Amino acid sequence: MKWQYIDTHAHLNLSAFVEDVDAVAKKCAGEGVAVINVGTKQSTSERAVELADRHEHCCAIVGLHPIQTVPGRHDEEEIGKGGHPFISKGEVFDTAFYHELAKQPKVVGIGECGFDYFHTEADTYELQEAAFVAQIELANELNLPLMIHTRGPKPGEASPTGRSVYQDVYETLKQHAKVPFNVHFYAGTLEEAKQFFDLGGTISFTGVITFAKDYEEIVKAVPLDKIHAETDCPFVAPTPYRGKRCEPWMVIEVVKKIAALKNLDEEMAQQQLVQNAVQFYNLGKAV
């Protein structure tokens, strides 16, 4: 395994990179950064697979993001027809389509799936749940890990279930999942993280930990072998790149911050995080 870093959750498959994706991918390779691009719907999942086929250091996760189950969602970063911004028509998870796509040799997971209460209305919960459970069942069948999305409601608003989004995700995984999973862009409590660990899950952190103090205690507290480093690019560029488009090679700053917060030797932390990703996503033959 020659890669020094692995961005375990990136979106080079979105419109933000449509004009220079290959140049960015090459920069990642030059920096020793392998990249796992994560699908959000059919077209971006296909795009993630295409990038994996084109670049040795890229892999793909394929699936349906919960906000893409809801009609009318507009996202400047998504890929639509002709590479233009995407407006969701409300995709129903097509098991046969994703089953076929997941057969590709560099597909290493299913997702990102879960619940999003921030961008959606309460009456969309059942749509999100149906897509979530269908993806868990596909992951179980294919023995692939799950990439989990979690976002709670806007401040002052209640979730559709009255519970935290993390508790809803936990209960769904506990009932259905037979494979490992990663809760990406983790922003929950230590107690919720421990629940996920008990189910065989892991959590991951983005560049937000380089500038937001809210994450410091949770990063310090969780075991290093239970976490991954990610960017969620093109979103939340880390310090010192705030205000710029986030790119996968910036995961280097996330690794540095994890090491600093945990008071660990940076090289040791770097190697452990690579090992975590290689083992979790079975990357030995993929990158």
Protein backbone atom coordinates (compact mmCIF):
# COMPACT_ATOMS: atom_id res chain seq x y z
CA MET A 1 0.00 0.00 0.00
CA LYS A 2 1.94 3.02 -1.26
CA TRP A 3 -0.56 5.75 -0.39
CA GLN A 4 0.35 7.97 2.55
CA TYR A 5 -3.19 9.26 3.12
CA ILE A 6 -6.71 8.14 2.23
CA ASP A 7 -9.63 10.53 1.88
CA THR A 8 -12.40 8.12 2.85
CA HIS A 9 -15.28 10.35 1.74
CA ALA A 10 -14.90 12.66 -1.25
CA HIS A 11 -17.09 13.88 -4.11
CA LEU A 12 -14.89 14.42 -7.14
CA ASN A 13 -17.95 13.00 -8.91
CA LEU A 14 -19.99 16.20 -8.42
CA SER A 15 -20.38 19.27 -10.63
CA ALA A 16 -17.94 21.33 -8.58
CA PHE A 17 -15.15 19.34 -10.27
CA VAL A 18 -16.65 18.85 -13.73
CA GLU A 19 -14.10 21.14 -15.44
CA ASP A 20 -10.88 19.95 -13.78
CA VAL A 21 -11.55 16.60 -12.14
CA ASP A 22 -8.61 14.81 -13.73
CA ALA A 23 -6.18 17.58 -12.77
CA VAL A 24 -7.38 17.42 -9.15
CA ALA A 25 -7.13 13.63 -9.15
CA LYS A 26 -3.55 13.85 -10.42
CA LYS A 27 -2.67 16.36 -7.71
CA CYS A 28 -4.00 13.91 -5.13
CA ALA A 29 -1.79 11.16 -6.55
CA GLY A 30 1.18 13.51 -6.43
CA GLU A 31 0.52 14.20 -2.76
CA GLY A 32 0.22 10.48 -1.97
CA VAL A 33 -3.53 10.68 -1.33
CA ALA A 34 -5.90 7.87 -2.35
CA VAL A 35 -9.53 8.87 -2.76
CA ILE A 36 -12.86 7.15 -2.16
CA ASN A 37 -15.55 8.99 -4.14
CA VAL A 38 -19.05 8.55 -2.79
CA GLY A 39 -22.21 8.45 -4.89
CA THR A 40 -25.35 10.40 -4.06
CA LYS A 41 -27.69 9.05 -6.77
CA GLN A 42 -27.50 6.98 -9.95
CA SER A 43 -25.56 9.42 -12.13
CA THR A 44 -23.03 10.44 -9.48
CA SER A 45 -22.55 6.80 -8.46
CA GLU A 46 -21.79 5.95 -12.08
CA ARG A 47 -19.42 8.92 -12.17
CA ALA A 48 -17.61 7.64 -9.07
CA VAL A 49 -17.08 4.29 -10.77
CA GLU A 50 -15.84 5.98 -13.96
CA LEU A 51 -13.27 7.93 -11.93
CA ALA A 52 -12.15 4.74 -10.20
CA ASP A 53 -11.64 3.10 -13.58
CA ARG A 54 -9.64 6.08 -14.83
CA HIS A 55 -7.41 6.69 -11.81
CA GLU A 56 -5.42 4.01 -10.01
CA HIS A 57 -5.71 5.73 -6.64
CA CYS A 58 -9.52 6.20 -6.73
CA CYS A 59 -12.25 3.87 -5.50
CA ALA A 60 -16.03 4.26 -5.39
CA ILE A 61 -18.96 3.87 -3.04
CA VAL A 62 -22.35 3.74 -4.76
CA GLY A 63 -25.78 4.58 -3.42
CA LEU A 64 -28.57 7.08 -2.82
CA HIS A 65 -28.25 10.08 -0.50
CA PRO A 66 -31.37 10.65 1.63
CA ILE A 67 -32.00 14.15 0.25
CA GLN A 68 -32.11 12.69 -3.28
CA THR A 69 -35.20 10.70 -2.33
CA VAL A 70 -37.10 14.00 -2.07
CA PRO A 71 -38.44 15.75 -5.20
CA GLY A 72 -37.42 19.34 -5.90
CA ARG A 73 -34.11 19.46 -4.07
CA HIS A 74 -31.74 21.80 -5.93
CA ASP A 75 -27.99 21.44 -5.51
CA GLU A 76 -25.37 23.48 -7.36
CA GLU A 77 -22.73 20.86 -6.59
CA GLU A 78 -24.61 17.87 -8.04
CA ILE A 79 -24.19 16.59 -11.58
CA GLY A 80 -27.27 16.87 -13.76
CA LYS A 81 -27.76 16.53 -17.49
CA GLY A 82 -24.80 17.92 -19.42
CA GLY A 83 -22.90 18.58 -16.21
CA HIS A 84 -25.32 21.30 -15.11
CA PRO A 85 -26.62 21.71 -11.54
CA PHE A 86 -29.08 19.06 -10.50
CA ILE A 87 -32.70 19.27 -9.40
CA SER A 88 -33.88 16.09 -7.70
CA LYS A 89 -36.89 14.30 -9.14
CA GLY A 90 -37.08 12.10 -6.07
CA GLU A 91 -35.13 8.94 -6.87
CA VAL A 92 -36.48 5.63 -5.64
CA PHE A 93 -33.66 3.26 -4.74
CA ASP A 94 -33.30 0.81 -7.62
CA THR A 95 -31.76 -2.30 -6.11
CA ALA A 96 -31.10 -3.96 -9.47
CA PHE A 97 -29.28 -0.90 -10.82
CA TYR A 98 -27.04 -0.49 -7.78
CA HIS A 99 -26.48 -4.24 -7.46
CA GLU A 100 -25.08 -4.30 -11.00
CA LEU A 101 -22.98 -1.17 -10.45
CA ALA A 102 -21.58 -2.54 -7.19
CA LYS A 103 -20.14 -5.53 -9.06
CA GLN A 104 -17.40 -3.28 -10.43
CA PRO A 105 -14.06 -4.29 -8.87
CA LYS A 106 -13.24 -0.89 -7.34
CA VAL A 107 -16.58 -0.39 -5.60
CA VAL A 108 -15.81 -0.71 -1.89
CA GLY A 109 -19.08 0.23 -0.20
CA ILE A 110 -22.76 1.17 -0.40
CA GLY A 111 -24.11 4.66 0.34
CA GLU A 112 -24.18 7.33 1.35
CA CYS A 113 -27.45 6.47 3.01
CA GLY A 114 -29.17 7.41 6.24
CA PHE A 115 -31.36 10.26 7.43
CA ASP A 116 -31.22 14.00 6.72
CA TYR A 117 -33.64 16.17 8.71
CA PHE A 118 -31.93 19.47 7.85
CA HIS A 119 -32.72 19.72 4.13
CA THR A 120 -36.04 17.85 4.15
CA GLU A 121 -39.53 18.07 5.60
CA ALA A 122 -40.82 15.75 8.32
CA ASP A 123 -43.22 14.00 5.94
CA THR A 124 -40.28 12.65 3.89
CA TYR A 125 -39.10 10.37 6.69
CA GLU A 126 -40.70 7.25 5.20
CA LEU A 127 -39.10 7.91 1.80
CA GLN A 128 -35.70 8.23 3.44
CA GLU A 129 -36.24 5.17 5.61
CA ALA A 130 -37.24 2.98 2.65
CA ALA A 131 -34.11 3.95 0.71
CA PHE A 132 -31.93 3.49 3.80
CA VAL A 133 -33.22 -0.01 4.58
CA ALA A 134 -32.96 -1.06 0.92
CA GLN A 135 -29.30 -0.03 0.86
CA ILE A 136 -28.57 -1.85 4.09
CA GLU A 137 -30.10 -5.00 2.61
CA LEU A 138 -28.00 -4.63 -0.54
CA ALA A 139 -24.85 -4.14 1.51
CA ASN A 140 -25.73 -7.23 3.54
CA GLU A 141 -26.17 -9.25 0.34
CA LEU A 142 -22.89 -8.06 -1.20
CA ASN A 143 -20.97 -8.03 2.10
CA LEU A 144 -19.88 -4.42 1.58
CA PRO A 145 -19.59 -1.77 4.31
CA LEU A 146 -22.10 1.08 4.51
CA MET A 147 -21.36 4.79 4.25
CA ILE A 148 -23.81 6.56 6.57
CA HIS A 149 -25.14 10.12 6.28
CA THR A 150 -26.56 11.85 9.37
CA ARG A 151 -27.83 15.40 9.67
CA GLY A 152 -30.22 16.64 12.30
CA PRO A 153 -32.95 19.28 11.98
CA LYS A 154 -32.39 23.03 11.87
CA PRO A 155 -31.96 24.72 15.28
CA GLY A 156 -35.28 24.98 17.06
CA GLU A 157 -36.95 22.32 14.92
CA ALA A 158 -37.86 18.80 16.02
CA SER A 159 -36.93 15.62 14.19
CA PRO A 160 -39.82 13.63 12.66
CA THR A 161 -39.37 10.91 15.29
CA GLY A 162 -38.63 13.11 18.30
CA ARG A 163 -35.22 11.43 18.64
CA SER A 164 -31.78 12.54 17.50
CA VAL A 165 -30.81 11.61 13.95
CA TYR A 166 -28.01 9.50 15.43
CA GLN A 167 -30.47 7.50 17.51
CA ASP A 168 -32.71 6.94 14.49
CA VAL A 169 -29.75 5.77 12.40
CA TYR A 170 -28.56 3.54 15.25
CA GLU A 171 -31.95 1.86 15.63
CA THR A 172 -32.23 1.23 11.89
CA LEU A 173 -28.73 -0.22 11.69
CA LYS A 174 -29.27 -2.33 14.80
CA GLN A 175 -32.41 -3.82 13.29
CA HIS A 176 -31.15 -4.45 9.75
CA ALA A 177 -27.36 -4.23 9.29
CA LYS A 178 -25.11 -7.27 9.18
CA VAL A 179 -22.06 -5.43 7.83
CA PRO A 180 -19.72 -2.75 9.20
CA PHE A 181 -20.57 0.89 8.63
CA ASN A 182 -18.98 4.31 8.85
CA VAL A 183 -20.89 7.34 10.17
CA HIS A 184 -19.29 10.10 8.12
CA PHE A 185 -18.88 13.78 9.11
CA TYR A 186 -19.50 12.78 12.72
CA ALA A 187 -21.02 15.46 14.95
CA GLY A 188 -22.73 13.36 17.62
CA THR A 189 -21.91 12.70 21.25
CA LEU A 190 -19.35 10.31 22.70
CA GLU A 191 -22.17 8.13 24.05
CA GLU A 192 -23.73 7.88 20.58
CA ALA A 193 -20.34 7.05 19.08
CA LYS A 194 -19.90 4.23 21.59
CA GLN A 195 -23.26 2.81 20.53
CA PHE A 196 -22.08 2.73 16.93
CA PHE A 197 -18.78 1.12 17.95
CA ASP A 198 -20.72 -1.59 19.78
CA LEU A 199 -22.51 -2.41 16.50
CA GLY A 200 -19.22 -2.70 14.63
CA GLY A 201 -19.24 0.81 13.23
CA THR A 202 -16.67 3.57 12.85
CA ILE A 203 -16.90 7.36 12.57
CA SER A 204 -15.02 9.89 10.46
CA PHE A 205 -14.05 13.55 10.71
CA THR A 206 -13.72 16.29 8.10
CA GLY A 207 -11.79 19.54 7.85
CA VAL A 208 -14.32 21.17 10.16
CA ILE A 209 -12.22 19.88 13.09
CA THR A 210 -9.42 22.26 12.03
CA PHE A 211 -11.48 25.37 12.79
CA ALA A 212 -14.45 24.39 15.01
CA LYS A 213 -13.77 23.83 18.71
CA ASP A 214 -16.96 21.76 19.15
CA TYR A 215 -15.23 18.62 17.87
CA GLU A 216 -12.11 18.67 20.00
CA GLU A 217 -13.31 16.58 22.93
CA ILE A 218 -14.87 13.85 20.80
CA VAL A 219 -11.72 13.54 18.64
CA LYS A 220 -9.60 13.28 21.77
CA ALA A 221 -11.87 10.69 23.37
CA VAL A 222 -12.52 8.13 20.63
CA PRO A 223 -9.97 5.38 19.92
CA LEU A 224 -7.79 6.09 16.89
CA ASP A 225 -8.55 2.68 15.39
CA LYS A 226 -12.27 3.55 15.29
CA ILE A 227 -12.00 6.67 13.12
CA HIS A 228 -11.25 7.74 9.56
CA ALA A 229 -10.11 10.99 7.97
CA GLU A 230 -12.18 12.54 5.18
CA THR A 231 -12.84 15.84 3.41
CA ASP A 232 -16.44 15.56 2.13
CA CYS A 233 -15.13 17.76 -0.67
CA PRO A 234 -16.10 20.10 -2.25
CA PHE A 235 -17.47 21.17 1.15
CA VAL A 236 -15.82 22.44 4.38
CA ALA A 237 -12.24 23.13 3.30
CA PRO A 238 -9.90 22.86 6.31
CA THR A 239 -7.66 25.54 7.69
CA PRO A 240 -5.54 27.00 6.00
CA TYR A 241 -7.77 26.69 2.91
CA ARG A 242 -10.99 28.18 4.30
CA GLY A 243 -13.05 29.89 1.63
CA LYS A 244 -11.64 27.77 -1.18
CA ARG A 245 -13.08 24.69 -2.84
CA CYS A 246 -12.19 21.69 -0.74
CA GLU A 247 -10.18 18.99 -2.53
CA PRO A 248 -9.22 15.45 -1.41
CA TRP A 249 -5.52 16.18 -0.92
CA MET A 250 -6.55 18.57 1.87
CA VAL A 251 -7.24 15.48 4.00
CA ILE A 252 -3.59 15.88 4.99
CA GLU A 253 -4.68 18.78 7.23
CA VAL A 254 -7.39 16.62 8.81
CA VAL A 255 -4.83 13.95 9.66
CA LYS A 256 -2.50 16.55 11.15
CA LYS A 257 -5.30 17.91 13.34
CA ILE A 258 -6.36 14.47 14.55
CA ALA A 259 -2.76 13.77 15.57
CA ALA A 260 -2.44 17.15 17.30
CA LEU A 261 -5.72 16.83 19.23
CA LYS A 262 -4.83 13.32 20.37
CA ASN A 263 -1.24 14.36 21.18
CA LEU A 264 0.14 11.65 18.92
CA ASP A 265 3.14 11.47 16.64
CA GLU A 266 1.85 12.64 13.26
CA GLU A 267 3.46 9.84 11.27
CA MET A 268 2.07 7.22 13.61
CA ALA A 269 -1.43 8.69 13.37
CA GLN A 270 -1.12 8.92 9.59
CA GLN A 271 -0.14 5.25 9.29
CA GLN A 272 -2.91 4.09 11.63
CA LEU A 273 -5.56 6.03 9.71
CA VAL A 274 -4.39 4.51 6.43
CA GLN A 275 -4.46 1.06 8.01
CA ASN A 276 -7.99 1.72 9.33
CA ALA A 277 -9.25 2.56 5.85
CA VAL A 278 -7.42 -0.29 4.11
CA GLN A 279 -8.86 -2.84 6.50
CA PHE A 280 -12.36 -1.38 6.71
CA TYR A 281 -12.87 -0.98 2.95
CA ASN A 282 -10.67 -3.94 1.94
CA LEU A 283 -8.51 -1.65 -0.18
CA GLY A 284 -5.54 -3.96 -0.51
CA LYS A 285 -6.43 -4.87 -4.10
CA ALA A 286 -8.39 -1.73 -4.98
CA VAL A 287 -5.73 1.02 -4.78
